[in-house]
């Protein structure tokens, strides 16, 4: 999942407003989740209430129903399959 081309494609979907360090998958109990490890959680305020379509399409194609944003080892935001911020 740590593929530079994929990271750049996702970053472009966010208009380079988020510095994505790594794309990773992990298990949260019985659920496999996709996560973006980000450089700063202060950047999340710039996203708005809906995630960009480019990232949504990529996440859907990879088969995940939620996308987590992780900063300093903790989930700071989750976006669901519809692109809506959960927190």
PDB file of N, CA and C in Angstrom:
ATOM      1  N   UNK A   1       0.814  -1.201   0.000  1.00  0.00           N
ATOM      2  CA  UNK A   1       0.000   0.000   0.000  1.00  0.00           C
ATOM      3  C   UNK A   1       0.855   1.260   0.000  1.00  0.00           C
ATOM      4  N   UNK A   2       2.128   1.123   0.274  1.00  0.00           N
ATOM      5  CA  UNK A   2       2.983   2.301   0.314  1.00  0.00           C
ATOM      6  C   UNK A   2       3.590   2.531  -1.066  1.00  0.00           C
ATOM      7  N   UNK A   3       2.735   2.872  -2.032  1.00  0.00           N
ATOM      8  CA  UNK A   3       3.116   3.039  -3.421  1.00  0.00           C
ATOM      9  C   UNK A   3       3.092   4.530  -3.761  1.00  0.00           C
ATOM     10  N   UNK A   4       4.226   5.062  -4.171  1.00  0.00           N
ATOM     11  CA  UNK A   4       4.349   6.505  -4.386  1.00  0.00           C
ATOM     12  C   UNK A   4       3.337   7.034  -5.402  1.00  0.00           C
ATOM     13  N   UNK A   5       3.106   6.313  -6.487  1.00  0.00           N
ATOM     14  CA  UNK A   5       2.152   6.773  -7.505  1.00  0.00           C
ATOM     15  C   UNK A   5       0.740   6.851  -6.929  1.00  0.00           C
ATOM     16  N   UNK A   6       0.375   5.874  -6.113  1.00  0.00           N
ATOM     17  CA  UNK A   6      -0.948   5.872  -5.495  1.00  0.00           C
ATOM     18  C   UNK A   6      -1.079   7.028  -4.512  1.00  0.00           C
ATOM     19  N   UNK A   7      -0.044   7.250  -3.719  1.00  0.00           N
ATOM     20  CA  UNK A   7      -0.054   8.374  -2.779  1.00  0.00           C
ATOM     21  C   UNK A   7      -0.241   9.681  -3.527  1.00  0.00           C
ATOM     22  N   UNK A   8       0.489   9.871  -4.622  1.00  0.00           N
ATOM     23  CA  UNK A   8       0.382  11.113  -5.399  1.00  0.00           C
ATOM     24  C   UNK A   8      -1.007  11.274  -6.005  1.00  0.00           C
ATOM     25  N   UNK A   9      -1.618  10.172  -6.456  1.00  0.00           N
ATOM     26  CA  UNK A   9      -2.972  10.248  -7.020  1.00  0.00           C
ATOM     27  C   UNK A   9      -3.970  10.678  -5.961  1.00  0.00           C
ATOM     28  N   UNK A  10      -3.827  10.152  -4.767  1.00  0.00           N
ATOM     29  CA  UNK A  10      -4.738  10.523  -3.688  1.00  0.00           C
ATOM     30  C   UNK A  10      -4.497  11.970  -3.268  1.00  0.00           C
ATOM     31  N   UNK A  11      -3.251  12.358  -3.151  1.00  0.00           N
ATOM     32  CA  UNK A  11      -2.939  13.747  -2.789  1.00  0.00           C
ATOM     33  C   UNK A  11      -3.531  14.720  -3.795  1.00  0.00           C
ATOM     34  N   UNK A  12      -3.469  14.393  -5.077  1.00  0.00           N
ATOM     35  CA  UNK A  12      -4.022  15.301  -6.089  1.00  0.00           C
ATOM     36  C   UNK A  12      -5.528  15.411  -5.948  1.00  0.00           C
ATOM     37  N   UNK A  13      -6.173  14.345  -5.459  1.00  0.00           N
ATOM     38  CA  UNK A  13      -7.604  14.393  -5.202  1.00  0.00           C
ATOM     39  C   UNK A  13      -7.960  15.343  -4.080  1.00  0.00           C
ATOM     40  N   UNK A  14      -7.013  15.614  -3.227  1.00  0.00           N
ATOM     41  CA  UNK A  14      -7.219  16.554  -2.130  1.00  0.00           C
ATOM     42  C   UNK A  14      -6.589  17.912  -2.428  1.00  0.00           C
ATOM     43  N   UNK A  15      -6.314  18.176  -3.686  1.00  0.00           N
ATOM     44  CA  UNK A  15      -5.708  19.448  -4.098  1.00  0.00           C
ATOM     45  C   UNK A  15      -4.454  19.753  -3.293  1.00  0.00           C
ATOM     46  N   UNK A  16      -3.739  18.694  -2.943  1.00  0.00           N
ATOM     47  CA  UNK A  16      -2.490  18.817  -2.182  1.00  0.00           C
ATOM     48  C   UNK A  16      -2.654  19.552  -0.862  1.00  0.00           C
ATOM     49  N   UNK A  17      -3.865  19.511  -0.296  1.00  0.00           N
ATOM     50  CA  UNK A  17      -4.093  20.148   0.999  1.00  0.00           C
ATOM     51  C   UNK A  17      -3.687  19.251   2.155  1.00  0.00           C
ATOM     52  N   UNK A  18      -3.447  17.985   1.876  1.00  0.00           N
ATOM     53  CA  UNK A  18      -3.052  17.046   2.922  1.00  0.00           C
ATOM     54  C   UNK A  18      -1.727  16.424   2.541  1.00  0.00           C
ATOM     55  N   UNK A  19      -0.816  16.382   3.489  1.00  0.00           N
ATOM     56  CA  UNK A  19       0.472  15.738   3.258  1.00  0.00           C
ATOM     57  C   UNK A  19       0.352  14.287   3.705  1.00  0.00           C
ATOM     58  N   UNK A  20       0.137  13.393   2.734  1.00  0.00           N
ATOM     59  CA  UNK A  20      -0.027  11.976   3.029  1.00  0.00           C
ATOM     60  C   UNK A  20       1.345  11.317   3.053  1.00  0.00           C
ATOM     61  N   UNK A  21       1.702  10.775   4.198  1.00  0.00           N
ATOM     62  CA  UNK A  21       2.999  10.119   4.358  1.00  0.00           C
ATOM     63  C   UNK A  21       2.954   8.702   3.819  1.00  0.00           C
ATOM     64  N   UNK A  22       1.852   8.009   4.085  1.00  0.00           N
ATOM     65  CA  UNK A  22       1.755   6.596   3.736  1.00  0.00           C
ATOM     66  C   UNK A  22       0.290   6.200   3.615  1.00  0.00           C
ATOM     67  N   UNK A  23       0.025   5.258   2.740  1.00  0.00           N
ATOM     68  CA  UNK A  23      -1.299   4.651   2.636  1.00  0.00           C
ATOM     69  C   UNK A  23      -1.153   3.249   3.204  1.00  0.00           C
ATOM     70  N   UNK A  24      -2.057   2.872   4.093  1.00  0.00           N
ATOM     71  CA  UNK A  24      -1.908   1.565   4.711  1.00  0.00           C
ATOM     72  C   UNK A  24      -3.260   0.931   4.978  1.00  0.00           C
ATOM     73  N   UNK A  25      -3.243  -0.365   5.148  1.00  0.00           N
ATOM     74  CA  UNK A  25      -4.445  -1.068   5.577  1.00  0.00           C
ATOM     75  C   UNK A  25      -4.123  -1.712   6.916  1.00  0.00           C
ATOM     76  N   UNK A  26      -5.149  -1.808   7.755  1.00  0.00           N
ATOM     77  CA  UNK A  26      -4.952  -2.420   9.060  1.00  0.00           C
ATOM     78  C   UNK A  26      -6.254  -3.047   9.516  1.00  0.00           C
ATOM     79  N   UNK A  27      -6.185  -3.880  10.524  1.00  0.00           N
ATOM     80  CA  UNK A  27      -7.377  -4.526  11.061  1.00  0.00           C
ATOM     81  C   UNK A  27      -7.815  -3.841  12.334  1.00  0.00           C
ATOM     82  N   UNK A  28      -9.096  -3.491  12.382  1.00  0.00           N
ATOM     83  CA  UNK A  28      -9.712  -2.932  13.576  1.00  0.00           C
ATOM     84  C   UNK A  28     -10.743  -3.962  14.024  1.00  0.00           C
ATOM     85  N   UNK A  29     -10.324  -4.853  14.887  1.00  0.00           N
ATOM     86  CA  UNK A  29     -11.180  -5.988  15.235  1.00  0.00           C
ATOM     87  C   UNK A  29     -11.271  -6.900  14.027  1.00  0.00           C
ATOM     88  N   UNK A  30     -12.484  -7.201  13.585  1.00  0.00           N
ATOM     89  CA  UNK A  30     -12.694  -8.078  12.426  1.00  0.00           C
ATOM     90  C   UNK A  30     -12.783  -7.293  11.122  1.00  0.00           C
ATOM     91  N   UNK A  31     -12.674  -5.956  11.208  1.00  0.00           N
ATOM     92  CA  UNK A  31     -12.839  -5.104  10.033  1.00  0.00           C
ATOM     93  C   UNK A  31     -11.496  -4.672   9.465  1.00  0.00           C
ATOM     94  N   UNK A  32     -11.299  -4.883   8.171  1.00  0.00           N
ATOM     95  CA  UNK A  32     -10.099  -4.404   7.488  1.00  0.00           C
ATOM     96  C   UNK A  32     -10.354  -2.969   7.043  1.00  0.00           C
ATOM     97  N   UNK A  33      -9.448  -2.069   7.397  1.00  0.00           N
ATOM     98  CA  UNK A  33      -9.664  -0.654   7.106  1.00  0.00           C
ATOM     99  C   UNK A  33      -8.504  -0.079   6.293  1.00  0.00           C
ATOM    100  N   UNK A  34      -8.832   0.920   5.500  1.00  0.00           N
ATOM    101  CA  UNK A  34      -7.841   1.667   4.737  1.00  0.00           C
ATOM    102  C   UNK A  34      -7.572   2.966   5.483  1.00  0.00           C
ATOM    103  N   UNK A  35      -6.301   3.367   5.553  1.00  0.00           N
ATOM    104  CA  UNK A  35      -5.964   4.584   6.281  1.00  0.00           C
ATOM    105  C   UNK A  35      -4.890   5.378   5.547  1.00  0.00           C
ATOM    106  N   UNK A  36      -4.980   6.689   5.715  1.00  0.00           N
ATOM    107  CA  UNK A  36      -3.932   7.600   5.249  1.00  0.00           C
ATOM    108  C   UNK A  36      -3.203   8.070   6.489  1.00  0.00           C
ATOM    109  N   UNK A  37      -1.908   7.829   6.556  1.00  0.00           N
ATOM    110  CA  UNK A  37      -1.071   8.349   7.626  1.00  0.00           C
ATOM    111  C   UNK A  37      -0.675   9.756   7.180  1.00  0.00           C
ATOM    112  N   UNK A  38      -1.076  10.777   7.944  1.00  0.00           N
ATOM    113  CA  UNK A  38      -0.874  12.163   7.509  1.00  0.00           C
ATOM    114  C   UNK A  38       0.133  12.887   8.390  1.00  0.00           C
ATOM    115  N   UNK A  39       0.725  13.953   7.840  1.00  0.00           N
ATOM    116  CA  UNK A  39       1.778  14.686   8.537  1.00  0.00           C
ATOM    117  C   UNK A  39       1.236  15.651   9.579  1.00  0.00           C
ATOM    118  N   UNK A  40       0.003  16.129   9.405  1.00  0.00           N
ATOM    119  CA  UNK A  40      -0.546  17.110  10.342  1.00  0.00           C
ATOM    120  C   UNK A  40      -2.060  17.008  10.390  1.00  0.00           C
ATOM    121  N   UNK A  41      -2.616  16.926  11.594  1.00  0.00           N
ATOM    122  CA  UNK A  41      -4.068  16.860  11.691  1.00  0.00           C
ATOM    123  C   UNK A  41      -4.721  18.220  11.510  1.00  0.00           C
ATOM    124  N   UNK A  42      -3.950  19.302  11.568  1.00  0.00           N
ATOM    125  CA  UNK A  42      -4.525  20.637  11.371  1.00  0.00           C
ATOM    126  C   UNK A  42      -5.001  20.826   9.931  1.00  0.00           C
ATOM    127  N   UNK A  43      -4.489  20.021   9.005  1.00  0.00           N
ATOM    128  CA  UNK A  43      -4.884  20.128   7.602  1.00  0.00           C
ATOM    129  C   UNK A  43      -6.297  19.614   7.354  1.00  0.00           C
ATOM    130  N   UNK A  44      -6.836  18.799   8.260  1.00  0.00           N
ATOM    131  CA  UNK A  44      -8.139  18.186   8.047  1.00  0.00           C
ATOM    132  C   UNK A  44      -9.257  19.217   7.992  1.00  0.00           C
ATOM    133  N   UNK A  45      -9.109  20.322   8.683  1.00  0.00           N
ATOM    134  CA  UNK A  45     -10.141  21.361   8.692  1.00  0.00           C
ATOM    135  C   UNK A  45     -10.365  21.939   7.309  1.00  0.00           C
ATOM    136  N   UNK A  46      -9.397  21.816   6.426  1.00  0.00           N
ATOM    137  CA  UNK A  46      -9.496  22.377   5.078  1.00  0.00           C
ATOM    138  C   UNK A  46     -10.278  21.487   4.123  1.00  0.00           C
ATOM    139  N   UNK A  47     -10.592  20.273   4.535  1.00  0.00           N
ATOM    140  CA  UNK A  47     -11.253  19.340   3.626  1.00  0.00           C
ATOM    141  C   UNK A  47     -12.724  19.657   3.427  1.00  0.00           C
ATOM    142  N   UNK A  48     -13.396  20.106   4.498  1.00  0.00           N
ATOM    143  CA  UNK A  48     -14.835  20.307   4.417  1.00  0.00           C
ATOM    144  C   UNK A  48     -15.562  19.052   4.856  1.00  0.00           C
ATOM    145  N   UNK A  49     -16.868  19.003   4.613  1.00  0.00           N
ATOM    146  CA  UNK A  49     -17.670  17.895   5.139  1.00  0.00           C
ATOM    147  C   UNK A  49     -17.693  16.683   4.225  1.00  0.00           C
ATOM    148  N   UNK A  50     -17.238  16.825   2.966  1.00  0.00           N
ATOM    149  CA  UNK A  50     -17.261  15.713   2.019  1.00  0.00           C
ATOM    150  C   UNK A  50     -15.881  15.513   1.409  1.00  0.00           C
ATOM    151  N   UNK A  51     -15.472  14.261   1.301  1.00  0.00           N
ATOM    152  CA  UNK A  51     -14.173  13.944   0.714  1.00  0.00           C
ATOM    153  C   UNK A  51     -14.237  14.058  -0.808  1.00  0.00           C
ATOM    154  N   UNK A  52     -13.121  14.380  -1.441  1.00  0.00           N
ATOM    155  CA  UNK A  52     -13.087  14.515  -2.903  1.00  0.00           C
ATOM    156  C   UNK A  52     -13.420  13.222  -3.632  1.00  0.00           C
ATOM    157  N   UNK A  53     -13.989  13.358  -4.805  1.00  0.00           N
ATOM    158  CA  UNK A  53     -14.422  12.213  -5.605  1.00  0.00           C
ATOM    159  C   UNK A  53     -13.255  11.306  -5.977  1.00  0.00           C
ATOM    160  N   UNK A  54     -12.097  11.866  -6.286  1.00  0.00           N
ATOM    161  CA  UNK A  54     -10.948  11.051  -6.702  1.00  0.00           C
ATOM    162  C   UNK A  54     -10.588  10.030  -5.626  1.00  0.00           C
ATOM    163  N   UNK A  55     -10.553  10.455  -4.389  1.00  0.00           N
ATOM    164  CA  UNK A  55     -10.217   9.538  -3.305  1.00  0.00           C
ATOM    165  C   UNK A  55     -11.349   8.559  -3.065  1.00  0.00           C
ATOM    166  N   UNK A  56     -12.584   9.023  -3.211  1.00  0.00           N
ATOM    167  CA  UNK A  56     -13.737   8.139  -3.035  1.00  0.00           C
ATOM    168  C   UNK A  56     -13.686   6.987  -4.028  1.00  0.00           C
ATOM    169  N   UNK A  57     -13.433   7.299  -5.288  1.00  0.00           N
ATOM    170  CA  UNK A  57     -13.390   6.266  -6.322  1.00  0.00           C
ATOM    171  C   UNK A  57     -12.276   5.265  -6.052  1.00  0.00           C
ATOM    172  N   UNK A  58     -11.143   5.747  -5.620  1.00  0.00           N
ATOM    173  CA  UNK A  58     -10.014   4.867  -5.341  1.00  0.00           C
ATOM    174  C   UNK A  58     -10.342   3.942  -4.167  1.00  0.00           C
ATOM    175  N   UNK A  59     -10.924   4.513  -3.114  1.00  0.00           N
ATOM    176  CA  UNK A  59     -11.247   3.715  -1.944  1.00  0.00           C
ATOM    177  C   UNK A  59     -12.282   2.651  -2.289  1.00  0.00           C
ATOM    178  N   UNK A  60     -13.313   3.040  -3.054  1.00  0.00           N
ATOM    179  CA  UNK A  60     -14.352   2.096  -3.449  1.00  0.00           C
ATOM    180  C   UNK A  60     -13.751   0.968  -4.290  1.00  0.00           C
ATOM    181  N   UNK A  61     -12.859   1.309  -5.202  1.00  0.00           N
ATOM    182  CA  UNK A  61     -12.227   0.306  -6.062  1.00  0.00           C
ATOM    183  C   UNK A  61     -11.403  -0.680  -5.248  1.00  0.00           C
ATOM    184  N   UNK A  62     -10.848  -0.217  -4.131  1.00  0.00           N
ATOM    185  CA  UNK A  62     -10.036  -1.091  -3.285  1.00  0.00           C
ATOM    186  C   UNK A  62     -10.887  -1.927  -2.331  1.00  0.00           C
ATOM    187  N   UNK A  63     -12.174  -1.628  -2.250  1.00  0.00           N
ATOM    188  CA  UNK A  63     -13.087  -2.457  -1.481  1.00  0.00           C
ATOM    189  C   UNK A  63     -13.241  -2.125  -0.009  1.00  0.00           C
ATOM    190  N   UNK A  64     -12.962  -0.900   0.395  1.00  0.00           N
ATOM    191  CA  UNK A  64     -13.123  -0.505   1.786  1.00  0.00           C
ATOM    192  C   UNK A  64     -14.358   0.382   1.930  1.00  0.00           C
ATOM    193  N   UNK A  65     -15.060   0.263   3.058  1.00  0.00           N
ATOM    194  CA  UNK A  65     -16.260   1.074   3.261  1.00  0.00           C
ATOM    195  C   UNK A  65     -15.966   2.358   4.020  1.00  0.00           C
ATOM    196  N   UNK A  66     -14.814   2.416   4.650  1.00  0.00           N
ATOM    197  CA  UNK A  66     -14.424   3.624   5.374  1.00  0.00           C
ATOM    198  C   UNK A  66     -12.946   3.909   5.149  1.00  0.00           C
ATOM    199  N   UNK A  67     -12.607   5.162   5.289  1.00  0.00           N
ATOM    200  CA  UNK A  67     -11.237   5.619   5.141  1.00  0.00           C
ATOM    201  C   UNK A  67     -10.864   6.378   6.402  1.00  0.00           C
ATOM    202  N   UNK A  68      -9.808   5.964   7.073  1.00  0.00           N
ATOM    203  CA  UNK A  68      -9.349   6.655   8.277  1.00  0.00           C
ATOM    204  C   UNK A  68      -8.166   7.551   7.947  1.00  0.00           C
ATOM    205  N   UNK A  69      -8.065   8.646   8.667  1.00  0.00           N
ATOM    206  CA  UNK A  69      -6.902   9.511   8.617  1.00  0.00           C
ATOM    207  C   UNK A  69      -6.206   9.355   9.962  1.00  0.00           C
ATOM    208  N   UNK A  70      -4.934   8.957   9.937  1.00  0.00           N
ATOM    209  CA  UNK A  70      -4.188   8.692  11.154  1.00  0.00           C
ATOM    210  C   UNK A  70      -3.062   9.703  11.299  1.00  0.00           C
ATOM    211  N   UNK A  71      -2.991  10.295  12.490  1.00  0.00           N
ATOM    212  CA  UNK A  71      -1.910  11.223  12.808  1.00  0.00           C
ATOM    213  C   UNK A  71      -1.339  10.836  14.167  1.00  0.00           C
ATOM    214  N   UNK A  72      -0.043  10.698  14.234  1.00  0.00           N
ATOM    215  CA  UNK A  72       0.631  10.324  15.483  1.00  0.00           C
ATOM    216  C   UNK A  72       0.072   9.035  16.079  1.00  0.00           C
ATOM    217  N   UNK A  73      -0.261   8.082  15.221  1.00  0.00           N
ATOM    218  CA  UNK A  73      -0.690   6.777  15.684  1.00  0.00           C
ATOM    219  C   UNK A  73      -2.141   6.661  16.109  1.00  0.00           C
ATOM    220  N   UNK A  74      -2.949   7.722  15.928  1.00  0.00           N
ATOM    221  CA  UNK A  74      -4.358   7.630  16.307  1.00  0.00           C
ATOM    222  C   UNK A  74      -5.249   8.133  15.176  1.00  0.00           C
ATOM    223  N   UNK A  75      -6.440   7.586  15.104  1.00  0.00           N
ATOM    224  CA  UNK A  75      -7.401   8.000  14.077  1.00  0.00           C
ATOM    225  C   UNK A  75      -7.948   9.371  14.452  1.00  0.00           C
ATOM    226  N   UNK A  76      -7.788  10.339  13.550  1.00  0.00           N
ATOM    227  CA  UNK A  76      -8.265  11.698  13.821  1.00  0.00           C
ATOM    228  C   UNK A  76      -9.492  12.057  12.980  1.00  0.00           C
ATOM    229  N   UNK A  77      -9.774  11.260  11.946  1.00  0.00           N
ATOM    230  CA  UNK A  77     -10.972  11.482  11.143  1.00  0.00           C
ATOM    231  C   UNK A  77     -11.287  10.214  10.374  1.00  0.00           C
ATOM    232  N   UNK A  78     -12.575   9.943  10.183  1.00  0.00           N
ATOM    233  CA  UNK A  78     -13.029   8.823   9.365  1.00  0.00           C
ATOM    234  C   UNK A  78     -14.015   9.350   8.337  1.00  0.00           C
ATOM    235  N   UNK A  79     -13.884   8.878   7.109  1.00  0.00           N
ATOM    236  CA  UNK A  79     -14.796   9.242   6.027  1.00  0.00           C
ATOM    237  C   UNK A  79     -15.485   7.962   5.584  1.00  0.00           C
ATOM    238  N   UNK A  80     -16.813   7.996   5.441  1.00  0.00           N
ATOM    239  CA  UNK A  80     -17.516   6.769   5.054  1.00  0.00           C
ATOM    240  C   UNK A  80     -17.578   6.616   3.534  1.00  0.00           C
ATOM    241  N   UNK A  81     -18.221   5.560   3.071  1.00  0.00           N
ATOM    242  CA  UNK A  81     -18.246   5.208   1.652  1.00  0.00           C
ATOM    243  C   UNK A  81     -18.886   6.296   0.792  1.00  0.00           C
ATOM    244  N   UNK A  82     -19.747   7.131   1.397  1.00  0.00           N
ATOM    245  CA  UNK A  82     -20.392   8.213   0.669  1.00  0.00           C
ATOM    246  C   UNK A  82     -19.558   9.484   0.644  1.00  0.00           C
ATOM    247  N   UNK A  83     -18.418   9.459   1.320  1.00  0.00           N
ATOM    248  CA  UNK A  83     -17.564  10.638   1.360  1.00  0.00           C
ATOM    249  C   UNK A  83     -17.895  11.580   2.494  1.00  0.00           C
ATOM    250  N   UNK A  84     -18.779  11.168   3.404  1.00  0.00           N
ATOM    251  CA  UNK A  84     -19.191  12.013   4.511  1.00  0.00           C
ATOM    252  C   UNK A  84     -18.272  11.829   5.715  1.00  0.00           C
ATOM    253  N   UNK A  85     -17.841  12.922   6.274  1.00  0.00           N
ATOM    254  CA  UNK A  85     -16.995  12.858   7.471  1.00  0.00           C
ATOM    255  C   UNK A  85     -17.815  12.332   8.635  1.00  0.00           C
ATOM    256  N   UNK A  86     -17.289  11.329   9.326  1.00  0.00           N
ATOM    257  CA  UNK A  86     -17.969  10.801  10.503  1.00  0.00           C
ATOM    258  C   UNK A  86     -17.494  11.500  11.766  1.00  0.00           C
ATOM    259  N   UNK A  87     -16.237  11.850  11.806  1.00  0.00           N
ATOM    260  CA  UNK A  87     -15.657  12.654  12.902  1.00  0.00           C
ATOM    261  C   UNK A  87     -14.280  13.070  12.516  1.00  0.00           C
TER     262      UNK A  87
END
